[in-house]
Amino acid sequence: PWNALAHAVFAAMGRDPKIEYIDMPEHLVQKYQYRTQADITKLRAAGYDQAFATLEEGVKDYVDTWLSDRG
């Protein structure tokens, strides 16, 4: 998940990925939430049936709209 996000940002910016990894600080190991996933059961039950953007589509839209000179 983190790598997918990082690679999507680089792709949206038209750049080759350049990622440097560092070790997680020990004082954060037990506090960091390593995985998240939305539960959209109630949203679907309320009648929302539209598709969501892919990670890559959403990141590209965000980069183009808010972070680049193109937006």
N, C-alpha and C. Protein backbone atom coordinates (compact mmCIF):
# COMPACT_ATOMS: atom_id res chain seq x y z
N PRO A 1 0.81 -1.21 0.00
CA PRO A 1 0.00 0.00 0.00
C PRO A 1 0.85 1.27 0.00
N TRP A 2 1.85 1.36 0.87
CA TRP A 2 2.67 2.58 0.89
C TRP A 2 3.44 2.70 -0.41
N ASN A 3 4.03 1.60 -0.88
CA ASN A 3 4.79 1.65 -2.12
C ASN A 3 3.90 2.03 -3.29
N ALA A 4 2.67 1.51 -3.32
CA ALA A 4 1.73 1.84 -4.40
C ALA A 4 1.45 3.34 -4.42
N LEU A 5 1.26 3.93 -3.25
CA LEU A 5 1.01 5.37 -3.16
C LEU A 5 2.24 6.16 -3.63
N ALA A 6 3.40 5.78 -3.14
CA ALA A 6 4.62 6.48 -3.53
C ALA A 6 4.85 6.39 -5.04
N HIS A 7 4.68 5.22 -5.59
CA HIS A 7 4.88 5.05 -7.04
C HIS A 7 3.83 5.82 -7.84
N ALA A 8 2.60 5.89 -7.34
CA ALA A 8 1.55 6.66 -8.03
C ALA A 8 1.89 8.14 -8.04
N VAL A 9 2.46 8.65 -6.96
CA VAL A 9 2.85 10.07 -6.91
C VAL A 9 3.95 10.35 -7.93
N PHE A 10 4.97 9.50 -7.95
CA PHE A 10 6.05 9.69 -8.93
C PHE A 10 5.51 9.62 -10.35
N ALA A 11 4.64 8.64 -10.64
CA ALA A 11 4.08 8.50 -11.98
C ALA A 11 3.27 9.73 -12.37
N ALA A 12 2.46 10.24 -11.45
CA ALA A 12 1.64 11.42 -11.73
C ALA A 12 2.51 12.64 -12.01
N MET A 13 3.69 12.66 -11.43
CA MET A 13 4.60 13.78 -11.65
C MET A 13 5.52 13.55 -12.84
N GLY A 14 5.40 12.39 -13.48
CA GLY A 14 6.24 12.08 -14.63
C GLY A 14 7.70 11.87 -14.27
N ARG A 15 7.94 11.33 -13.10
CA ARG A 15 9.31 11.13 -12.64
C ARG A 15 9.56 9.67 -12.31
N ASP A 16 10.82 9.27 -12.39
CA ASP A 16 11.20 7.92 -11.98
C ASP A 16 11.17 7.86 -10.46
N PRO A 17 10.69 6.75 -9.90
CA PRO A 17 10.66 6.63 -8.44
C PRO A 17 12.05 6.70 -7.83
N LYS A 18 12.17 7.48 -6.79
CA LYS A 18 13.41 7.58 -6.02
C LYS A 18 12.98 7.58 -4.56
N ILE A 19 13.05 6.41 -3.95
CA ILE A 19 12.53 6.21 -2.60
C ILE A 19 13.65 5.74 -1.70
N GLU A 20 13.80 6.40 -0.57
CA GLU A 20 14.79 6.00 0.42
C GLU A 20 14.04 5.52 1.66
N TYR A 21 14.33 4.31 2.09
CA TYR A 21 13.66 3.74 3.25
C TYR A 21 14.50 3.96 4.50
N ILE A 22 13.82 4.22 5.61
CA ILE A 22 14.49 4.35 6.90
C ILE A 22 13.77 3.44 7.88
N ASP A 23 14.46 3.01 8.92
CA ASP A 23 13.85 2.17 9.94
C ASP A 23 12.83 2.97 10.74
N MET A 24 11.78 2.28 11.16
CA MET A 24 10.76 2.89 12.01
C MET A 24 11.39 3.18 13.38
N PRO A 25 11.27 4.41 13.88
CA PRO A 25 11.79 4.70 15.22
C PRO A 25 11.12 3.80 16.26
N GLU A 26 11.90 3.23 17.14
CA GLU A 26 11.40 2.28 18.13
C GLU A 26 10.22 2.81 18.93
N HIS A 27 10.23 4.09 19.28
CA HIS A 27 9.16 4.63 20.11
C HIS A 27 7.83 4.72 19.36
N LEU A 28 7.84 4.50 18.05
CA LEU A 28 6.60 4.54 17.26
C LEU A 28 6.09 3.17 16.85
N VAL A 29 6.90 2.13 17.01
CA VAL A 29 6.55 0.80 16.50
C VAL A 29 5.18 0.34 17.01
N GLN A 30 4.89 0.49 18.27
CA GLN A 30 3.62 0.03 18.83
C GLN A 30 2.49 1.04 18.65
N LYS A 31 2.78 2.22 18.12
CA LYS A 31 1.76 3.26 17.96
C LYS A 31 1.34 3.47 16.52
N TYR A 32 2.13 2.99 15.58
CA TYR A 32 1.88 3.23 14.17
C TYR A 32 0.82 2.28 13.64
N GLN A 33 -0.12 2.80 12.88
CA GLN A 33 -1.16 1.98 12.27
C GLN A 33 -0.66 1.57 10.88
N TYR A 34 -0.30 0.32 10.74
CA TYR A 34 0.34 -0.15 9.53
C TYR A 34 -0.62 -0.37 8.36
N ARG A 35 -1.87 -0.59 8.64
CA ARG A 35 -2.83 -0.85 7.55
C ARG A 35 -4.17 -0.24 7.90
N THR A 36 -4.78 0.40 6.92
CA THR A 36 -6.13 0.93 7.08
C THR A 36 -6.96 0.50 5.88
N GLN A 37 -8.25 0.34 6.12
CA GLN A 37 -9.15 0.00 5.03
C GLN A 37 -10.54 0.48 5.43
N ALA A 38 -11.15 1.25 4.56
CA ALA A 38 -12.48 1.79 4.83
C ALA A 38 -13.53 0.69 4.76
N ASP A 39 -14.48 0.75 5.67
CA ASP A 39 -15.65 -0.14 5.62
C ASP A 39 -16.78 0.68 5.00
N ILE A 40 -17.13 0.38 3.77
CA ILE A 40 -18.15 1.16 3.06
C ILE A 40 -19.51 0.45 3.06
N THR A 41 -19.70 -0.49 3.96
CA THR A 41 -20.95 -1.24 4.04
C THR A 41 -22.15 -0.31 4.20
N LYS A 42 -22.07 0.64 5.11
CA LYS A 42 -23.20 1.56 5.34
C LYS A 42 -23.42 2.47 4.14
N LEU A 43 -22.36 2.88 3.49
CA LEU A 43 -22.48 3.72 2.30
C LEU A 43 -23.23 2.97 1.21
N ARG A 44 -22.86 1.73 0.98
CA ARG A 44 -23.54 0.91 -0.03
C ARG A 44 -24.98 0.64 0.38
N ALA A 45 -25.21 0.37 1.66
CA ALA A 45 -26.57 0.12 2.15
C ALA A 45 -27.47 1.34 1.99
N ALA A 46 -26.86 2.52 2.01
CA ALA A 46 -27.63 3.76 1.83
C ALA A 46 -27.94 4.02 0.36
N GLY A 47 -27.42 3.16 -0.53
CA GLY A 47 -27.75 3.29 -1.93
C GLY A 47 -26.66 3.80 -2.84
N TYR A 48 -25.51 4.13 -2.29
CA TYR A 48 -24.42 4.63 -3.14
C TYR A 48 -23.84 3.46 -3.92
N ASP A 49 -23.91 3.54 -5.25
CA ASP A 49 -23.44 2.42 -6.07
C ASP A 49 -22.41 2.83 -7.12
N GLN A 50 -21.87 4.02 -6.99
CA GLN A 50 -20.88 4.50 -7.95
C GLN A 50 -19.51 3.87 -7.69
N ALA A 51 -18.73 3.77 -8.75
CA ALA A 51 -17.36 3.26 -8.61
C ALA A 51 -16.47 4.36 -8.05
N PHE A 52 -15.43 3.97 -7.38
CA PHE A 52 -14.45 4.90 -6.85
C PHE A 52 -13.26 4.98 -7.81
N ALA A 53 -12.55 6.08 -7.78
CA ALA A 53 -11.33 6.21 -8.57
C ALA A 53 -10.29 5.23 -8.04
N THR A 54 -9.44 4.77 -8.93
CA THR A 54 -8.32 3.95 -8.48
C THR A 54 -7.33 4.84 -7.73
N LEU A 55 -6.42 4.23 -7.02
CA LEU A 55 -5.39 5.00 -6.33
C LEU A 55 -4.63 5.87 -7.32
N GLU A 56 -4.24 5.28 -8.44
CA GLU A 56 -3.47 6.01 -9.44
C GLU A 56 -4.27 7.18 -10.02
N GLU A 57 -5.55 6.96 -10.31
CA GLU A 57 -6.40 8.04 -10.84
C GLU A 57 -6.56 9.17 -9.84
N GLY A 58 -6.80 8.82 -8.58
CA GLY A 58 -6.98 9.83 -7.55
C GLY A 58 -5.73 10.64 -7.30
N VAL A 59 -4.59 9.96 -7.25
CA VAL A 59 -3.33 10.66 -7.02
C VAL A 59 -3.02 11.58 -8.20
N LYS A 60 -3.20 11.10 -9.43
CA LYS A 60 -2.93 11.93 -10.60
C LYS A 60 -3.81 13.17 -10.60
N ASP A 61 -5.10 13.00 -10.29
CA ASP A 61 -6.01 14.14 -10.23
C ASP A 61 -5.56 15.14 -9.17
N TYR A 62 -5.18 14.65 -8.00
CA TYR A 62 -4.72 15.53 -6.92
C TYR A 62 -3.45 16.27 -7.32
N VAL A 63 -2.48 15.54 -7.85
CA VAL A 63 -1.22 16.17 -8.26
C VAL A 63 -1.48 17.22 -9.34
N ASP A 64 -2.27 16.85 -10.36
CA ASP A 64 -2.55 17.78 -11.46
C ASP A 64 -3.31 19.02 -10.99
N THR A 65 -4.24 18.83 -10.06
CA THR A 65 -5.08 19.94 -9.60
C THR A 65 -4.40 20.83 -8.58
N TRP A 66 -3.67 20.24 -7.65
CA TRP A 66 -3.17 21.00 -6.50
C TRP A 66 -1.66 21.18 -6.42
N LEU A 67 -0.90 20.32 -7.06
CA LEU A 67 0.55 20.37 -6.84
C LEU A 67 1.39 20.74 -8.04
N SER A 68 0.82 20.72 -9.21
CA SER A 68 1.64 20.98 -10.39
C SER A 68 1.28 22.30 -11.04
N ASP A 69 2.13 22.72 -11.93
CA ASP A 69 1.88 23.95 -12.70
C ASP A 69 0.80 23.73 -13.75
N ARG A 70 0.47 22.46 -14.02
CA ARG A 70 -0.53 22.14 -15.04
C ARG A 70 -1.95 22.41 -14.57
N GLY A 71 -2.15 22.43 -13.23
CA GLY A 71 -3.50 22.55 -12.68
C GLY A 71 -4.00 23.95 -12.56
